[in-house]
Structures are given as structure tokens and as C-alpha cells.
Protein backbone atom coordinates (compact mmCIF):
# COMPACT_ATOMS: atom_id res chain seq x y z
CA MET A 1 64.49 58.79 33.20
CA THR A 2 68.11 58.01 33.77
CA GLY A 3 70.59 58.19 30.85
CA LYS A 4 70.17 58.50 27.08
CA PRO A 5 69.64 55.33 24.63
CA GLN A 6 72.87 54.36 22.67
CA THR A 7 71.05 54.90 19.33
CA PRO A 8 68.45 57.32 18.25
CA ALA A 9 65.07 57.02 20.01
CA LEU A 10 61.93 55.92 17.59
CA ARG A 11 58.66 57.04 18.10
CA GLY A 12 56.43 53.80 16.92
CA GLY A 13 58.55 51.34 15.38
CA GLN A 14 58.14 48.27 13.44
CA ALA A 15 59.41 44.79 13.72
CA PRO A 16 62.95 45.26 15.12
CA GLN A 17 66.04 43.58 13.22
CA LYS A 18 68.53 45.26 15.69
CA VAL A 19 68.07 46.51 19.35
CA ARG A 20 65.56 49.39 19.16
CA PHE A 21 64.90 52.21 21.79
CA ILE A 22 61.34 53.28 21.77
CA VAL A 23 60.36 56.68 23.45
CA ILE A 24 56.51 56.28 24.93
CA ASP A 25 54.52 59.03 23.80
CA LYS A 26 51.39 60.18 25.65
CA ASP A 27 48.68 58.08 23.57
CA THR A 28 50.62 54.65 24.55
CA SER A 29 51.25 55.53 28.20
CA GLY A 30 49.12 53.46 30.56
CA GLN A 31 49.59 50.21 28.60
CA ARG A 32 51.23 47.29 30.04
CA ILE A 33 54.70 46.62 28.65
CA ASP A 34 53.64 43.02 27.50
CA ASN A 35 50.50 44.18 25.53
CA PHE A 36 52.67 47.12 24.10
CA LEU A 37 55.18 44.31 23.12
CA LEU A 38 52.57 41.95 21.73
CA ALA A 39 50.86 44.54 19.67
CA ARG A 40 54.64 45.37 17.97
CA LEU A 41 56.11 42.22 17.41
CA LYS A 42 53.50 40.52 15.39
CA GLY A 43 54.50 36.89 14.47
CA VAL A 44 56.49 36.50 17.75
CA PRO A 45 54.81 33.94 20.00
CA LYS A 46 53.71 34.93 22.87
CA SER A 47 55.78 32.94 25.12
CA ARG A 48 58.84 34.42 23.56
CA VAL A 49 57.51 37.80 24.43
CA TYR A 50 57.19 37.02 27.89
CA ARG A 51 60.51 34.84 28.03
CA LEU A 52 62.32 38.37 26.78
CA LEU A 53 60.74 40.31 29.73
CA ARG A 54 61.46 37.50 32.26
CA LYS A 55 65.45 37.38 31.07
CA GLY A 56 65.54 41.27 31.39
CA GLU A 57 66.11 41.41 27.48
CA VAL A 58 63.43 44.12 27.40
CA ARG A 59 64.36 46.82 29.68
CA VAL A 60 62.49 50.33 30.29
CA ASN A 61 64.55 53.23 31.37
CA LYS A 62 67.67 50.69 31.34
CA GLY A 63 66.03 48.59 34.02
CA ARG A 64 64.19 45.68 34.32
CA ILE A 65 60.56 45.42 34.64
CA ARG A 66 57.79 42.88 35.36
CA PRO A 67 55.31 42.16 32.44
CA ASP A 68 52.45 44.29 34.05
CA TYR A 69 54.46 47.32 34.22
CA ARG A 70 52.26 50.42 33.19
CA LEU A 71 54.36 52.59 30.63
CA CYS A 72 54.93 56.26 31.48
CA VAL A 73 55.46 59.36 28.88
CA GLU A 74 58.95 59.65 27.93
CA ASP A 75 60.01 56.29 29.09
CA VAL A 76 62.52 54.62 26.87
CA VAL A 77 61.76 50.87 25.98
CA ARG A 78 64.67 49.06 24.83
CA VAL A 79 63.57 46.03 22.52
CA PRO A 80 66.34 43.59 21.67
CA PRO A 81 66.88 42.02 18.42
CA ILE A 82 64.49 39.42 17.48
CA ARG A 83 63.48 37.57 14.24
CA VAL A 84 59.66 38.37 13.19
CA ALA A 85 58.07 35.68 10.96
CA GLU A 86 57.14 37.25 7.65
CA ARG A 87 53.69 38.17 6.99
CA GLU A 88 51.46 38.42 4.04
CA PRO A 89 50.65 41.91 2.84
CA THR A 90 47.32 42.97 4.46
CA PRO A 91 44.88 42.76 1.71
CA VAL A 92 43.56 46.14 0.25
CA PRO A 93 39.72 46.81 0.50
CA GLY A 94 38.01 47.14 -2.91
CA ARG A 95 36.27 50.39 -4.12
CA ASP A 96 33.14 48.94 -3.19
CA LEU A 97 34.02 48.08 0.47
CA ARG A 98 35.58 51.51 0.59
CA ASP A 99 32.60 53.32 -0.72
CA ARG A 100 30.30 51.54 1.63
CA LEU A 101 32.21 51.99 4.76
CA ALA A 102 32.81 55.77 4.11
CA ASP A 103 28.93 56.22 3.71
CA ASN A 104 28.27 54.49 6.85
CA ILE A 105 30.18 56.65 9.07
CA LEU A 106 27.45 57.91 11.61
CA TYR A 107 29.63 59.82 13.64
CA GLU A 108 32.96 60.92 14.04
CA ASP A 109 35.27 63.21 16.20
CA GLU A 110 38.96 63.58 17.09
CA ALA A 111 38.73 60.54 19.65
CA CYS A 112 36.52 58.28 17.96
CA LEU A 113 33.99 56.91 15.38
CA VAL A 114 30.76 55.03 14.85
CA ILE A 115 30.15 53.33 11.93
CA ASN A 116 26.99 51.26 10.87
CA LYS A 117 28.92 48.09 10.41
CA PRO A 118 27.36 46.19 7.28
CA PRO A 119 26.16 42.57 7.98
CA GLY A 120 28.44 39.65 6.54
CA LEU A 121 31.61 41.60 7.28
CA ALA A 122 33.95 40.57 10.25
CA VAL A 123 34.92 43.43 12.62
CA HIS A 124 38.80 42.31 12.12
CA GLY A 125 40.66 39.57 10.51
CA GLY A 126 41.44 36.26 11.28
CA SER A 127 40.60 32.64 11.63
CA GLY A 128 40.36 32.25 7.60
CA ILE A 129 39.47 35.98 7.22
CA ASN A 130 41.95 38.04 5.23
CA LEU A 131 40.10 41.39 5.66
CA GLY A 132 38.06 42.84 8.80
CA LEU A 133 36.28 46.07 9.19
CA VAL A 134 39.05 47.69 11.41
CA GLU A 135 41.94 46.64 8.81
CA ALA A 136 39.94 48.04 6.01
CA LEU A 137 39.44 51.17 7.81
CA ARG A 138 43.12 51.33 8.62
CA ALA A 139 43.85 50.88 4.84
CA MET A 140 41.41 53.76 4.14
CA ARG A 141 43.37 55.88 6.66
CA PRO A 142 46.75 55.28 6.74
CA LYS A 143 47.67 57.93 8.96
CA GLU A 144 45.53 56.30 11.70
CA ARG A 145 47.92 53.54 12.80
CA ARG A 146 45.99 53.48 16.14
CA LEU A 147 42.54 53.10 15.36
CA GLU A 148 41.32 50.38 17.27
CA LEU A 149 37.84 48.47 18.14
CA VAL A 150 36.32 49.80 21.15
CA HIS A 151 34.04 46.68 21.46
CA ARG A 152 32.83 43.77 18.79
CA ILE A 153 29.96 42.56 17.22
CA ASP A 154 29.16 39.24 15.73
CA ARG A 155 29.97 39.07 11.75
CA ASP A 156 26.27 38.37 10.89
CA THR A 157 25.09 41.35 13.16
CA SER A 158 24.71 44.80 11.65
CA GLY A 159 24.83 48.27 13.05
CA CYS A 160 26.78 50.51 15.24
CA LEU A 161 30.12 49.71 16.09
CA LEU A 162 32.62 52.13 18.48
CA LEU A 163 35.98 52.70 17.12
CA ALA A 164 38.84 54.60 19.03
CA ARG A 165 41.31 56.91 16.96
CA LYS A 166 44.07 57.03 19.60
CA ARG A 167 44.78 54.80 22.64
CA SER A 168 43.98 57.37 25.26
CA ALA A 169 40.09 57.39 23.86
CA LEU A 170 40.58 53.29 23.51
CA VAL A 171 41.02 53.14 27.55
CA ALA A 172 38.43 55.98 28.42
CA LEU A 173 35.92 54.33 26.00
CA GLN A 174 36.32 50.72 27.39
CA ASP A 175 36.29 51.94 30.91
CA GLN A 176 33.16 53.64 30.36
CA MET A 177 31.77 50.31 29.15
CA ARG A 178 33.44 48.18 32.34
CA GLN A 179 31.43 50.71 34.66
CA ARG A 180 28.09 50.33 32.34
CA LEU A 181 28.02 53.73 31.56
CA THR A 182 27.34 53.27 27.71
CA GLU A 183 23.69 52.69 26.10
CA LYS A 184 23.75 49.69 23.76
CA ARG A 185 20.58 48.80 22.60
CA TYR A 186 19.63 45.83 19.90
CA LEU A 187 16.52 44.86 17.53
CA ALA A 188 16.18 41.26 17.02
CA LEU A 189 13.99 38.98 15.28
CA VAL A 190 13.16 36.20 17.57
CA LYS A 191 11.25 32.67 17.33
CA GLY A 192 7.53 32.69 18.70
CA ARG A 193 5.66 35.26 21.08
CA TRP A 194 7.90 36.81 23.62
CA PRO A 195 5.81 37.24 26.27
CA ASN A 196 5.35 40.78 27.46
CA HIS A 197 6.08 40.00 31.15
CA CYS A 198 9.77 38.92 30.23
CA GLN A 199 11.56 42.23 30.67
CA GLU A 200 15.01 41.08 31.72
CA VAL A 201 16.73 37.67 31.84
CA ASN A 202 19.76 38.21 34.42
CA ALA A 203 21.48 34.86 34.23
CA PRO A 204 25.71 34.27 34.12
CA LEU A 205 27.22 33.34 31.04
CA LEU A 206 30.38 30.74 30.68
CA LYS A 207 32.46 30.72 27.34
CA THR A 208 33.94 27.66 26.20
CA THR A 209 36.25 26.35 22.98
CA THR A 210 35.49 23.12 21.76
CA SER A 211 38.47 20.80 20.13
CA SER A 212 37.62 22.26 16.65
CA GLY A 213 37.98 25.98 18.12
CA GLU A 214 34.30 26.72 18.00
CA ARG A 215 33.30 29.06 20.61
CA ILE A 216 30.08 27.87 22.59
CA VAL A 217 28.36 30.13 25.19
CA ARG A 218 26.00 28.49 27.69
CA ILE A 219 24.51 29.68 31.34
CA SER A 220 26.42 28.58 34.10
CA LYS A 221 26.70 29.52 37.51
CA GLN A 222 30.60 29.38 36.86
CA GLY A 223 30.35 32.21 33.93
CA LYS A 224 30.73 36.02 34.18
CA SER A 225 27.22 38.09 35.15
CA ALA A 226 25.09 38.73 32.37
CA LEU A 227 22.10 40.94 32.66
CA THR A 228 19.66 41.70 29.20
CA ARG A 229 16.92 44.03 29.35
CA PHE A 230 13.81 43.08 27.09
CA ALA A 231 10.94 44.93 25.57
CA VAL A 232 8.20 43.83 23.04
CA VAL A 233 8.34 46.03 19.78
CA GLN A 234 5.50 43.96 17.68
CA HIS A 235 4.35 40.65 17.55
CA PHE A 236 3.73 38.77 14.37
CA SER A 237 2.12 35.62 13.73
CA GLU A 238 5.27 33.21 14.07
CA VAL A 239 7.94 35.73 15.42
CA SER A 240 8.65 38.64 17.61
CA LEU A 241 10.39 41.76 16.95
CA ILE A 242 12.15 42.80 20.44
CA GLU A 243 14.71 45.45 21.68
CA ALA A 244 17.26 44.37 23.85
CA GLN A 245 19.29 46.56 26.00
CA LEU A 246 22.64 45.22 27.35
CA GLU A 247 23.37 46.03 30.46
CA THR A 248 26.92 43.66 30.18
CA GLY A 249 28.73 43.08 27.24
CA ARG A 250 29.47 39.29 27.20
CA THR A 251 29.97 37.16 24.22
CA HIS A 252 26.82 35.92 22.39
CA GLN A 253 24.68 37.46 25.21
CA ILE A 254 21.51 38.22 23.71
CA ARG A 255 21.46 35.20 21.71
CA VAL A 256 22.08 32.92 24.48
CA HIS A 257 19.59 34.76 26.81
CA CYS A 258 16.90 34.77 24.04
CA GLN A 259 17.60 30.80 23.56
CA SER A 260 17.18 30.34 27.33
CA GLN A 261 13.69 31.55 27.09
CA GLY A 262 12.91 29.44 24.30
CA HIS A 263 12.75 32.22 21.86
CA PRO A 264 16.23 31.98 19.76
CA LEU A 265 16.90 34.29 17.07
CA VAL A 266 15.90 34.04 13.88
CA GLY A 267 18.75 32.94 11.69
CA ASP A 268 21.05 31.85 14.49
CA GLU A 269 22.85 28.61 13.27
CA LYS A 270 24.70 28.14 16.53
CA TYR A 271 21.85 28.53 19.17
CA GLY A 272 18.54 28.70 16.80
CA ASP A 273 16.11 25.96 15.61
CA ASP A 274 17.32 24.81 12.21
CA ASN A 275 13.72 23.92 10.85
CA PHE A 276 12.38 27.37 11.78
CA ASN A 277 15.57 28.86 10.12
CA GLN A 278 15.24 27.04 6.86
CA ARG A 279 11.49 28.18 6.64
CA PHE A 280 12.53 31.96 7.33
CA LYS A 281 15.31 31.76 4.92
CA LYS A 282 12.92 31.43 2.02
CA ARG A 283 11.14 34.67 3.55
CA GLY A 284 14.27 36.66 3.26
CA ALA A 285 15.80 35.94 6.53
CA GLY A 286 19.18 34.78 5.36
CA ARG A 287 21.50 35.80 8.11
CA LEU A 288 21.22 36.42 12.02
CA CYS A 289 18.37 38.71 12.70
CA LEU A 290 20.01 40.98 15.14
CA HIS A 291 20.72 44.64 14.84
CA ALA A 292 23.06 47.23 17.01
CA LYS A 293 20.32 50.08 17.04
CA THR A 294 21.69 52.71 19.51
CA LEU A 295 24.96 53.34 21.03
CA GLY A 296 25.52 56.02 23.60
CA PHE A 297 28.88 57.45 25.33
CA ARG A 298 30.62 60.26 26.62
CA SER A 299 32.89 61.44 24.09
CA PRO A 300 36.50 61.65 25.06
CA ALA A 301 36.91 64.59 23.03
CA THR A 302 34.20 66.72 24.04
CA GLY A 303 33.10 65.30 27.35
CA GLU A 304 29.51 65.42 25.88
CA LYS A 305 26.83 62.45 25.78
CA VAL A 306 26.75 61.34 22.16
CA VAL A 307 23.81 58.95 21.27
CA VAL A 308 23.88 57.28 17.80
CA GLU A 309 21.12 55.45 15.67
CA ALA A 310 21.74 53.12 13.09
CA PRO A 311 19.06 52.72 10.58
CA LEU A 312 18.09 49.20 10.16
CA PRO A 313 19.45 47.63 6.89
CA ALA A 314 17.42 47.01 4.30
CA ASP A 315 17.67 42.66 4.39
CA LEU A 316 16.00 43.30 7.82
CA GLN A 317 13.36 45.96 6.68
CA GLY A 318 12.50 43.61 3.84
CA VAL A 319 11.56 40.72 6.53
CA LEU A 320 9.59 43.02 8.51
CA GLU A 321 7.76 44.48 5.63
CA ARG A 322 6.83 40.95 4.51
CA LEU A 323 5.61 39.75 7.65
CA ALA A 324 3.43 42.53 8.15
């Protein structure tokens, strides 16, 4: 590091109204400078952030840097004055939601936590959703500013969701997922009789966005590799309860792989059978019948293998009892 900043260095920092100098700590080191700025300059267009970098208005240790520069401990980042759009205050979770989330913490250590996500709650806000699970947890834990999602599950999906409590843990856990060192098993209720011999689907998935902004995933040679392993748990007269183990973590992977075999998930409004869903809705299946049952990973805090099980929620348990 060369020289000292002319104004007091800050650890952390909010939307700047004047030149700020931010000293990088251990939890922030290793992050790309562009991602570092995007996370702190909420409301500033992405193009504007990259323009600041390109023109050298953002500097590290008084020098110009590229957008892919990775920050180091004790780096001093100069952030120029920039107007940030006013944002509405983040909604505060009500007592019922706070109690529900607190009661559903399945595992916690100094690096991460696993929560049994309730169905119907988005993992994060946006696209018309004011309050997601991660925002609610941050409001409940105001001292944990770096609480982040390690992965995502769909809004209607229940079960194990992993969050990191600091950036070093986030990087370590996401690296485990990229290397396929984590265990993710789901329970799914699908249309028809799933064949016992169908034990895996290995088909690449391509994600596209329609003009209306809807995300659609389909099997395509141009897509990313995707592998799901399947096992039958129980056959019923019109549906099957199966276990799906994710070897990769693509968007809507289980839903699209099941649909490709002619057995869409019950309650799947995007890839499923509308008439079939309507019939099963009368039997209590009012949402996507998918539950993240098991999550296994190695804790960055202890180095030990952790395996967490999320109990089946009452609504899906009720559907299975009525089928028996």
C-alpha cells in the first residue's frame, strides 16, 4: 500500500456523497472490485459503475485498476462522489414471520446457517416482492450485514436453504457447490408412475427470458450440463413420490428434467399439466410439490461435514396422507 488517504478511512460504508476511502478487511478480500462497488452503490446503474472504473475515478491504493481486479486485505479503495437514487426503506418483518423463521433454523455456526424455508416465501426481494427471506433475516440480525444466500430455491419450494454469515464463508461454500462437493436431495411429487429404471437424467439446460421478463428453462445442446439422479420413494395411483439428488444446480433443474420424462411435478404452473394440477389442488396440493429435504456440506468454521435434514411441511405431509 502506498501513501495514506487524505480523509479518514472507513470500514464498510454507505452510499457516498463525497470522496470515500474504504479499507478492505479480511471478509471482503478476494472480491472483484466491480462486484464490490455494485454491492455498495445500490441504485447506481451498472453501466455507470463500469464507467467510473474505466475513467479511473475509482482507484485502489491510488492506482487505476481493471474491473476484474481482486481486492486484498488493507487495500484502500477510493470511491468518488456519486449521486445514489433514493430507495424506500426495507420493510420490517412482522412478529409472525420473525417467530416462524427463528423456529426454523436447523443448523448454525459462526460461518453459516441452514434454515427450513417456508413455502411461499421468496429467498430475496425484487420483481414486485418487497421482502424476501434474506432481507427478513438481516432485519432480525442487524449486526450481520454480510448475511448472504449461498444458493437459491424457488419461492414455492420448501426446505433446506444455506446462508453464509461472512464473505469468506460465502466464497468457500459456493466453491464447494461448484466442485460438486455438496449433497442436495429433494422430495418431489410427480404426475404418473415414475419408472424404477429411470435413475438419472443427464440433459443440458438453457435458460432464456421472454419479452415479458419470465424465465424459461428448456433442454438444449446449447445449455449448461445438468445431471439429476432419481429414486422412487413410493408409488400412488396417479402420482409418485420420488427423491431427486442434484449433481449440478441449474435453475429449475428438477422441474425440467422431470417434465422431460413425461412426469411433471404436481402443482408446477410453469412446466406442469394444468388440468392435472387443478384436480390435485382440490386434494390439498395448492403449490409446487417440491421440498429440499437434505443438505450436506463442509463447514468453513469447523472443517467438519454437516448434514441437515428438513422435515416435510404440514401441507405436503397432508397431501401424502390423503393419497395413502
